[in-house]
Amino acid sequence: MSSAQHDTFSPKNLTVLGGLLLVALILGEGVFSRSNNDAASKNMAVGTMEDIAMRIKPVITIDSILASSAGSGSGEMAQKSPQQLYEGACLACHASGVAGAPKVGDGAAWQARLGDGIDALLTSAIKGKGAMPPKGGSTYTDDQLRLVIEYILAESGL
């Protein structure tokens, strides 16, 4: 054996190499363990189809949002006052007059629109008019829209 080979396989070098392999083996066993006996793998059991469905069920869905805000006249929406309904859907445009919307409090503007009666205003609100989308973009019922219109007219002095 040459002196270079003798230094490579010295007991000191072999001890260090063996120690490194032992550390790698211990770390590898802890990180890449495939044993089913440890607590973590027991908690990761697959379970039944019902268990899986429950774990992946969404917390909230679009349907639940729509159902909670639907203008079906039931639940929370039916309990809102005309002012709360106005603030929920109409305030954004009718408070500032956006896109030609008559402002709440402007009696003259509302008087001109009231010329054909409250039913005509309700029909316009239901179908939409100008930049206003149908029902003002809300999900309110026709009765709720009528309450909002009556509220706006009262606030405008009519």
C-alpha atoms as a PDB file:
ATOM      1  CA  MET A   1       0.000   0.000   0.000  1.00  0.00           C
ATOM      2  CA  SER A   2       1.286   3.476  -0.820  1.00  0.00           C
ATOM      3  CA  SER A   3       1.516   6.163   1.821  1.00  0.00           C
ATOM      4  CA  ALA A   4      -1.402   8.094   0.196  1.00  0.00           C
ATOM      5  CA  GLN A   5      -3.645   5.029   0.471  1.00  0.00           C
ATOM      6  CA  HIS A   6      -2.473   4.440   4.006  1.00  0.00           C
ATOM      7  CA  ASP A   7      -3.576   8.030   5.023  1.00  0.00           C
ATOM      8  CA  THR A   8      -7.013   7.631   3.331  1.00  0.00           C
ATOM      9  CA  PHE A   9      -7.846   4.436   5.198  1.00  0.00           C
ATOM     10  CA  SER A  10      -6.385   5.497   8.534  1.00  0.00           C
ATOM     11  CA  PRO A  11      -8.368   4.600  11.642  1.00  0.00           C
ATOM     12  CA  LYS A  12      -9.003   8.273  12.299  1.00  0.00           C
ATOM     13  CA  ASN A  13     -10.539   8.852   8.860  1.00  0.00           C
ATOM     14  CA  LEU A  14     -12.600   5.665   9.056  1.00  0.00           C
ATOM     15  CA  THR A  15     -13.955   6.679  12.464  1.00  0.00           C
ATOM     16  CA  VAL A  16     -15.042  10.096  11.178  1.00  0.00           C
ATOM     17  CA  LEU A  17     -16.617   8.512   8.078  1.00  0.00           C
ATOM     18  CA  GLY A  18     -18.423   5.915  10.203  1.00  0.00           C
ATOM     19  CA  GLY A  19     -19.720   8.626  12.524  1.00  0.00           C
ATOM     20  CA  LEU A  20     -21.056  10.645   9.604  1.00  0.00           C
ATOM     21  CA  LEU A  21     -22.801   7.589   8.184  1.00  0.00           C
ATOM     22  CA  LEU A  22     -24.342   6.843  11.576  1.00  0.00           C
ATOM     23  CA  VAL A  23     -25.660  10.430  11.912  1.00  0.00           C
ATOM     24  CA  ALA A  24     -27.070  10.296   8.373  1.00  0.00           C
ATOM     25  CA  LEU A  25     -28.748   6.968   9.136  1.00  0.00           C
ATOM     26  CA  ILE A  26     -30.322   8.304  12.355  1.00  0.00           C
ATOM     27  CA  LEU A  27     -31.532  11.511  10.696  1.00  0.00           C
ATOM     28  CA  GLY A  28     -32.806   9.637   7.675  1.00  0.00           C
ATOM     29  CA  GLU A  29     -34.789   7.256   9.857  1.00  0.00           C
ATOM     30  CA  GLY A  30     -36.413  10.163  11.698  1.00  0.00           C
ATOM     31  CA  VAL A  31     -37.274  12.129   8.572  1.00  0.00           C
ATOM     32  CA  PHE A  32     -38.134   9.340   6.168  1.00  0.00           C
ATOM     33  CA  SER A  33     -39.654   6.850   8.572  1.00  0.00           C
ATOM     34  CA  ARG A  34     -42.309   4.658   6.957  1.00  0.00           C
ATOM     35  CA  SER A  35     -43.228   2.907  10.152  1.00  0.00           C
ATOM     36  CA  ASN A  36     -46.935   2.749  10.951  1.00  0.00           C
ATOM     37  CA  ASN A  37     -46.203   2.412  14.645  1.00  0.00           C
ATOM     38  CA  ASP A  38     -45.518   6.035  15.467  1.00  0.00           C
ATOM     39  CA  ALA A  39     -48.234   8.429  16.713  1.00  0.00           C
ATOM     40  CA  ALA A  40     -48.062  10.799  13.749  1.00  0.00           C
ATOM     41  CA  SER A  41     -48.875   8.110  11.220  1.00  0.00           C
ATOM     42  CA  LYS A  42     -51.743   6.840  13.368  1.00  0.00           C
ATOM     43  CA  ASN A  43     -53.305  10.321  13.300  1.00  0.00           C
ATOM     44  CA  MET A  44     -53.084  10.375   9.515  1.00  0.00           C
ATOM     45  CA  ALA A  45     -55.368   7.370   9.066  1.00  0.00           C
ATOM     46  CA  VAL A  46     -57.521   7.623   5.968  1.00  0.00           C
ATOM     47  CA  GLY A  47     -60.870   6.845   7.580  1.00  0.00           C
ATOM     48  CA  THR A  48     -64.241   6.345   5.973  1.00  0.00           C
ATOM     49  CA  MET A  49     -65.612   8.249   2.997  1.00  0.00           C
ATOM     50  CA  GLU A  50     -67.759  10.299   5.379  1.00  0.00           C
ATOM     51  CA  ASP A  51     -64.680  11.263   7.396  1.00  0.00           C
ATOM     52  CA  ILE A  52     -62.865  12.337   4.255  1.00  0.00           C
ATOM     53  CA  ALA A  53     -65.865  14.306   2.986  1.00  0.00           C
ATOM     54  CA  MET A  54     -66.136  16.091   6.325  1.00  0.00           C
ATOM     55  CA  ARG A  55     -62.434  17.016   6.314  1.00  0.00           C
ATOM     56  CA  ILE A  56     -62.504  18.477   2.802  1.00  0.00           C
ATOM     57  CA  LYS A  57     -65.920  20.172   3.073  1.00  0.00           C
ATOM     58  CA  PRO A  58     -65.640  23.915   2.352  1.00  0.00           C
ATOM     59  CA  VAL A  59     -66.226  26.230   5.273  1.00  0.00           C
ATOM     60  CA  ILE A  60     -68.375  28.595   3.203  1.00  0.00           C
ATOM     61  CA  THR A  61     -69.878  28.319  -0.267  1.00  0.00           C
ATOM     62  CA  ILE A  62     -71.407  30.718  -2.755  1.00  0.00           C
ATOM     63  CA  ASP A  63     -74.784  29.023  -2.205  1.00  0.00           C
ATOM     64  CA  SER A  64     -74.618  29.683   1.528  1.00  0.00           C
ATOM     65  CA  ILE A  65     -73.771  33.343   0.892  1.00  0.00           C
ATOM     66  CA  LEU A  66     -76.656  33.718  -1.527  1.00  0.00           C
ATOM     67  CA  ALA A  67     -79.035  31.884   0.782  1.00  0.00           C
ATOM     68  CA  SER A  68     -78.126  34.127   3.701  1.00  0.00           C
ATOM     69  CA  SER A  69     -78.675  37.291   1.672  1.00  0.00           C
ATOM     70  CA  ALA A  70     -81.531  36.088  -0.524  1.00  0.00           C
ATOM     71  CA  GLY A  71     -84.518  38.348  -0.710  1.00  0.00           C
ATOM     72  CA  SER A  72     -86.916  35.537   0.074  1.00  0.00           C
ATOM     73  CA  GLY A  73     -88.497  37.576   2.839  1.00  0.00           C
ATOM     74  CA  SER A  74     -87.242  35.211   5.498  1.00  0.00           C
ATOM     75  CA  GLY A  75     -84.484  35.346   8.022  1.00  0.00           C
ATOM     76  CA  GLU A  76     -82.206  38.289   8.600  1.00  0.00           C
ATOM     77  CA  MET A  77     -83.146  40.141   5.401  1.00  0.00           C
ATOM     78  CA  ALA A  78     -86.833  40.275   6.349  1.00  0.00           C
ATOM     79  CA  GLN A  79     -85.941  41.784   9.723  1.00  0.00           C
ATOM     80  CA  LYS A  80     -84.110  44.784   8.263  1.00  0.00           C
ATOM     81  CA  SER A  81     -85.721  48.181   8.418  1.00  0.00           C
ATOM     82  CA  PRO A  82     -86.250  50.220   5.235  1.00  0.00           C
ATOM     83  CA  GLN A  83     -83.320  52.403   6.291  1.00  0.00           C
ATOM     84  CA  GLN A  84     -81.061  49.357   6.653  1.00  0.00           C
ATOM     85  CA  LEU A  85     -82.183  48.081   3.246  1.00  0.00           C
ATOM     86  CA  TYR A  86     -81.461  51.512   1.743  1.00  0.00           C
ATOM     87  CA  GLU A  87     -78.013  51.568   3.349  1.00  0.00           C
ATOM     88  CA  GLY A  88     -77.315  48.049   2.105  1.00  0.00           C
ATOM     89  CA  ALA A  89     -77.979  48.584  -1.587  1.00  0.00           C
ATOM     90  CA  CYS A  90     -79.071  52.119  -2.488  1.00  0.00           C
ATOM     91  CA  LEU A  91     -76.914  54.484  -0.442  1.00  0.00           C
ATOM     92  CA  ALA A  92     -73.850  54.181  -2.678  1.00  0.00           C
ATOM     93  CA  CYS A  93     -75.542  55.943  -5.591  1.00  0.00           C
ATOM     94  CA  HIS A  94     -78.505  57.830  -4.123  1.00  0.00           C
ATOM     95  CA  ALA A  95     -76.520  59.570  -1.371  1.00  0.00           C
ATOM     96  CA  SER A  96     -74.088  61.208  -3.808  1.00  0.00           C
ATOM     97  CA  GLY A  97     -76.000  61.230  -7.094  1.00  0.00           C
ATOM     98  CA  VAL A  98     -73.676  58.881  -8.958  1.00  0.00           C
ATOM     99  CA  ALA A  99     -74.507  58.494 -12.676  1.00  0.00           C
ATOM    100  CA  GLY A 100     -77.506  60.807 -12.430  1.00  0.00           C
ATOM    101  CA  ALA A 101     -79.206  58.981  -9.554  1.00  0.00           C
ATOM    102  CA  PRO A 102     -81.562  61.334  -7.718  1.00  0.00           C
ATOM    103  CA  LYS A 103     -80.182  62.126  -4.264  1.00  0.00           C
ATOM    104  CA  VAL A 104     -82.082  61.336  -1.123  1.00  0.00           C
ATOM    105  CA  GLY A 105     -83.335  64.655   0.216  1.00  0.00           C
ATOM    106  CA  ASP A 106     -83.746  66.236  -3.250  1.00  0.00           C
ATOM    107  CA  GLY A 107     -87.536  66.593  -3.157  1.00  0.00           C
ATOM    108  CA  ALA A 108     -87.746  68.220  -6.597  1.00  0.00           C
ATOM    109  CA  ALA A 109     -85.901  65.371  -8.328  1.00  0.00           C
ATOM    110  CA  TRP A 110     -88.060  62.748  -6.635  1.00  0.00           C
ATOM    111  CA  GLN A 111     -91.286  64.740  -7.219  1.00  0.00           C
ATOM    112  CA  ALA A 112     -90.579  64.686 -10.967  1.00  0.00           C
ATOM    113  CA  ARG A 113     -90.149  60.907 -10.877  1.00  0.00           C
ATOM    114  CA  LEU A 114     -93.204  60.430  -8.681  1.00  0.00           C
ATOM    115  CA  GLY A 115     -95.481  61.976 -11.300  1.00  0.00           C
ATOM    116  CA  ASP A 116     -96.552  58.527 -12.567  1.00  0.00           C
ATOM    117  CA  GLY A 117     -96.999  57.180  -9.044  1.00  0.00           C
ATOM    118  CA  ILE A 118     -95.100  54.924  -6.673  1.00  0.00           C
ATOM    119  CA  ASP A 119     -95.909  51.854  -8.785  1.00  0.00           C
ATOM    120  CA  ALA A 120     -94.025  53.394 -11.717  1.00  0.00           C
ATOM    121  CA  LEU A 121     -91.026  54.050  -9.444  1.00  0.00           C
ATOM    122  CA  LEU A 122     -91.197  50.461  -8.229  1.00  0.00           C
ATOM    123  CA  THR A 123     -91.303  49.142 -11.811  1.00  0.00           C
ATOM    124  CA  SER A 124     -88.239  51.245 -12.687  1.00  0.00           C
ATOM    125  CA  ALA A 125     -86.418  49.967  -9.616  1.00  0.00           C
ATOM    126  CA  ILE A 126     -87.289  46.342 -10.415  1.00  0.00           C
ATOM    127  CA  LYS A 127     -86.262  46.575 -14.090  1.00  0.00           C
ATOM    128  CA  GLY A 128     -83.418  49.029 -13.615  1.00  0.00           C
ATOM    129  CA  LYS A 129     -83.109  52.450 -15.200  1.00  0.00           C
ATOM    130  CA  GLY A 130     -80.156  54.139 -16.843  1.00  0.00           C
ATOM    131  CA  ALA A 131     -77.008  53.093 -15.000  1.00  0.00           C
ATOM    132  CA  MET A 132     -79.002  51.434 -12.200  1.00  0.00           C
ATOM    133  CA  PRO A 133     -79.084  47.655 -12.584  1.00  0.00           C
ATOM    134  CA  PRO A 134     -82.297  45.695 -11.907  1.00  0.00           C
ATOM    135  CA  LYS A 135     -83.248  45.966  -8.234  1.00  0.00           C
ATOM    136  CA  GLY A 136     -80.286  48.267  -7.750  1.00  0.00           C
ATOM    137  CA  GLY A 137     -78.032  45.226  -7.849  1.00  0.00           C
ATOM    138  CA  SER A 138     -79.680  43.812  -4.730  1.00  0.00           C
ATOM    139  CA  THR A 139     -81.587  40.608  -4.058  1.00  0.00           C
ATOM    140  CA  TYR A 140     -84.470  42.444  -2.402  1.00  0.00           C
ATOM    141  CA  THR A 141     -88.062  41.368  -2.950  1.00  0.00           C
ATOM    142  CA  ASP A 142     -90.521  43.696  -4.635  1.00  0.00           C
ATOM    143  CA  ASP A 143     -92.073  44.445  -1.234  1.00  0.00           C
ATOM    144  CA  GLN A 144     -88.675  45.338   0.203  1.00  0.00           C
ATOM    145  CA  LEU A 145     -87.975  47.616  -2.764  1.00  0.00           C
ATOM    146  CA  ARG A 146     -91.325  49.342  -2.200  1.00  0.00           C
ATOM    147  CA  LEU A 147     -90.355  49.944   1.456  1.00  0.00           C
ATOM    148  CA  VAL A 148     -87.036  51.437   0.365  1.00  0.00           C
ATOM    149  CA  ILE A 149     -88.748  53.716  -2.165  1.00  0.00           C
ATOM    150  CA  GLU A 150     -91.216  54.879   0.496  1.00  0.00           C
ATOM    151  CA  TYR A 151     -88.296  55.514   2.852  1.00  0.00           C
ATOM    152  CA  ILE A 152     -86.419  57.556   0.197  1.00  0.00           C
ATOM    153  CA  LEU A 153     -89.535  59.605  -0.593  1.00  0.00           C
ATOM    154  CA  ALA A 154     -90.159  60.284   3.102  1.00  0.00           C
ATOM    155  CA  GLU A 155     -86.517  61.348   3.568  1.00  0.00           C
ATOM    156  CA  SER A 156     -86.923  63.636   0.563  1.00  0.00           C
ATOM    157  CA  GLY A 157     -89.955  65.372   2.078  1.00  0.00           C
ATOM    158  CA  LEU A 158     -92.608  63.605  -0.006  1.00  0.00           C
END
